[in-house]
Amino acid sequence: MRDTGTRRHGDAGKGPNRDGKVSVFVSRLTSHFSPGFTLLEVMLAVVIMAMVLVSLMGLQSRSVQDVMLAEHITTGTLLAKRVMTESLLAGVGLPQETDGEFPEEEFKAYTWKKAVSPTPVAKVMEVRVAVLWKEGDREEQVELVSYESI
């Protein structure tokens, strides 16, 4: 069978041509290749970026809250140590419960409670100092405990 040089649709790349060489025909539609992105790919990338950005913003907000809480805990601990030191220097005395506020303007959000109570061991008193503050809707506190002989 001899090739007459005429090709039908679907015969692309089949058999030799008139010159005896195998030819490959590429349709016009597939030869026009664009190196860009499709609309679907762009939309998918935008959706992924939006989800990542929302997650990062949530993490950043949570880390700011954690830093603020850590700062309040540190301040509360230092204030509790101050009240405890003042109490121990003044002498433990009789069992009692007292509370108060700090006079400095920067510590107006903090209050303190002190409780002196007896222990089962004779001549040893327990001194508890708690510093409290509001953290959003809930009340937080730091508490120090010391035992002193009288």
Protein backbone atom coordinates (compact mmCIF):
# COMPACT_ATOMS: atom_id res chain seq x y z
CA MET A 1 0.00 0.00 0.00
CA ARG A 2 1.37 3.28 -1.05
CA ASP A 3 0.85 6.64 0.72
CA THR A 4 -0.67 9.11 -1.66
CA GLY A 5 0.08 12.06 0.55
CA THR A 6 -3.49 12.66 1.54
CA ARG A 7 -4.31 12.45 5.16
CA ARG A 8 -7.61 12.15 6.85
CA HIS A 9 -8.54 13.59 10.21
CA GLY A 10 -7.20 11.23 12.89
CA ASP A 11 -4.29 10.00 10.80
CA ALA A 12 -1.86 12.51 12.33
CA GLY A 13 1.50 10.97 12.97
CA LYS A 14 0.65 7.66 11.31
CA GLY A 15 2.89 6.19 8.71
CA PRO A 16 5.39 7.81 6.37
CA ASN A 17 4.62 10.82 4.20
CA ARG A 18 5.52 11.33 0.52
CA ASP A 19 9.20 11.74 1.32
CA GLY A 20 9.26 8.45 3.24
CA LYS A 21 9.69 10.23 6.58
CA VAL A 22 7.32 9.82 9.51
CA SER A 23 5.54 13.09 10.17
CA VAL A 24 3.86 14.25 13.32
CA PHE A 25 0.95 16.61 12.96
CA VAL A 26 -0.06 18.75 15.85
CA SER A 27 -3.48 20.27 15.88
CA ARG A 28 -3.78 23.98 15.81
CA LEU A 29 -5.50 24.14 19.22
CA THR A 30 -2.81 22.29 21.13
CA SER A 31 0.06 24.14 19.49
CA HIS A 32 -1.18 27.45 20.95
CA PHE A 33 0.10 26.92 24.50
CA SER A 34 -0.02 29.76 27.05
CA PRO A 35 2.45 29.63 29.97
CA GLY A 36 0.02 31.48 32.36
CA PHE A 37 -2.27 30.20 35.11
CA THR A 38 -5.89 29.24 34.72
CA LEU A 39 -8.63 31.08 36.59
CA LEU A 40 -9.23 28.01 38.75
CA GLU A 41 -5.57 27.89 39.81
CA VAL A 42 -5.57 31.59 40.69
CA MET A 43 -8.80 31.29 42.70
CA LEU A 44 -7.46 28.27 44.57
CA ALA A 45 -4.24 30.13 45.41
CA VAL A 46 -6.24 33.13 46.68
CA VAL A 47 -8.40 30.88 48.89
CA ILE A 48 -5.32 29.18 50.36
CA MET A 49 -3.64 32.55 51.01
CA ALA A 50 -6.80 33.87 52.70
CA MET A 51 -6.95 30.85 55.02
CA VAL A 52 -3.29 31.19 55.91
CA LEU A 53 -3.63 34.93 56.62
CA VAL A 54 -6.68 34.41 58.85
CA SER A 55 -4.80 31.72 60.78
CA LEU A 56 -1.75 33.95 61.21
CA MET A 57 -3.87 36.85 62.43
CA GLY A 58 -5.50 34.57 65.01
CA LEU A 59 -2.10 33.35 66.19
CA GLN A 60 -0.80 36.89 66.48
CA SER A 61 -3.85 37.96 68.51
CA ARG A 62 -3.47 34.96 70.81
CA SER A 63 0.24 35.65 71.33
CA VAL A 64 -0.50 39.26 72.32
CA GLN A 65 -3.01 37.98 74.91
CA ASP A 66 -0.44 35.50 76.23
CA VAL A 67 2.18 38.24 76.58
CA MET A 68 -0.26 40.46 78.47
CA LEU A 69 -1.18 37.59 80.83
CA ALA A 70 2.50 36.81 81.45
CA GLU A 71 3.13 40.48 82.23
CA HIS A 72 0.23 40.54 84.72
CA ILE A 73 1.43 37.33 86.38
CA THR A 74 4.94 38.76 86.74
CA THR A 75 3.65 42.05 88.15
CA GLY A 76 1.28 40.20 90.50
CA THR A 77 4.09 37.98 91.76
CA LEU A 78 6.36 40.95 92.47
CA LEU A 79 3.54 42.79 94.27
CA ALA A 80 2.73 39.69 96.34
CA LYS A 81 6.41 39.40 97.30
CA ARG A 82 6.36 43.04 98.37
CA VAL A 83 3.29 42.55 100.61
CA MET A 84 4.77 39.33 102.02
CA THR A 85 8.09 41.02 102.82
CA GLU A 86 6.36 43.97 104.52
CA SER A 87 4.25 41.53 106.57
CA LEU A 88 7.21 39.44 107.69
CA LEU A 89 9.28 42.51 108.59
CA ALA A 90 6.39 43.92 110.65
CA GLY A 91 5.98 40.61 112.47
CA VAL A 92 3.37 37.94 111.90
CA GLY A 93 1.29 38.56 115.03
CA LEU A 94 -2.13 37.05 115.66
CA PRO A 95 -4.27 35.17 113.11
CA GLN A 96 -6.05 37.67 110.90
CA GLU A 97 -7.28 38.41 107.38
CA THR A 98 -6.69 41.77 105.71
CA ASP A 99 -6.95 43.17 102.23
CA GLY A 100 -6.10 46.34 100.39
CA GLU A 101 -5.07 48.14 97.25
CA PHE A 102 -1.72 49.35 96.05
CA PRO A 103 -1.20 53.13 96.31
CA GLU A 104 0.71 53.52 93.02
CA GLU A 105 -1.30 54.60 90.01
CA GLU A 106 0.23 51.93 87.76
CA PHE A 107 -0.99 49.15 90.09
CA LYS A 108 -4.60 50.37 90.56
CA ALA A 109 -5.91 47.27 88.75
CA TYR A 110 -4.38 45.00 91.43
CA THR A 111 -5.68 44.25 94.94
CA TRP A 112 -4.20 42.08 97.66
CA LYS A 113 -5.45 39.78 100.41
CA LYS A 114 -3.38 38.54 103.35
CA ALA A 115 -4.31 35.72 105.71
CA VAL A 116 -2.33 34.72 108.80
CA SER A 117 -3.45 31.43 110.31
CA PRO A 118 -2.11 28.89 112.82
CA THR A 119 -0.67 25.56 111.71
CA PRO A 120 -0.72 22.18 113.51
CA VAL A 121 2.88 22.84 114.53
CA ALA A 122 3.11 24.93 117.71
CA LYS A 123 4.52 28.45 117.32
CA VAL A 124 4.41 28.32 113.49
CA MET A 125 2.04 30.54 111.54
CA GLU A 126 1.07 30.32 107.89
CA VAL A 127 1.10 33.60 105.96
CA ARG A 128 -0.77 33.67 102.63
CA VAL A 129 -0.64 36.66 100.32
CA ALA A 130 -2.77 36.74 97.18
CA VAL A 131 -2.70 39.46 94.54
CA LEU A 132 -5.81 39.64 92.35
CA TRP A 133 -6.66 41.38 89.07
CA LYS A 134 -9.24 41.19 86.30
CA GLU A 135 -8.23 39.50 83.06
CA GLY A 136 -11.13 40.13 80.71
CA ASP A 137 -14.23 38.62 82.28
CA ARG A 138 -12.41 36.42 84.79
CA GLU A 139 -10.47 37.19 87.94
CA GLU A 140 -6.86 35.98 88.11
CA GLN A 141 -4.60 35.72 91.12
CA VAL A 142 -1.10 34.90 92.26
CA GLU A 143 -0.65 33.49 95.74
CA LEU A 144 2.47 33.19 97.91
CA VAL A 145 2.66 31.11 101.10
CA SER A 146 5.25 31.37 103.84
CA TYR A 147 5.61 29.75 107.29
CA GLU A 148 6.99 31.81 110.16
CA SER A 149 7.79 30.97 113.73
CA ILE A 150 6.47 33.31 116.40
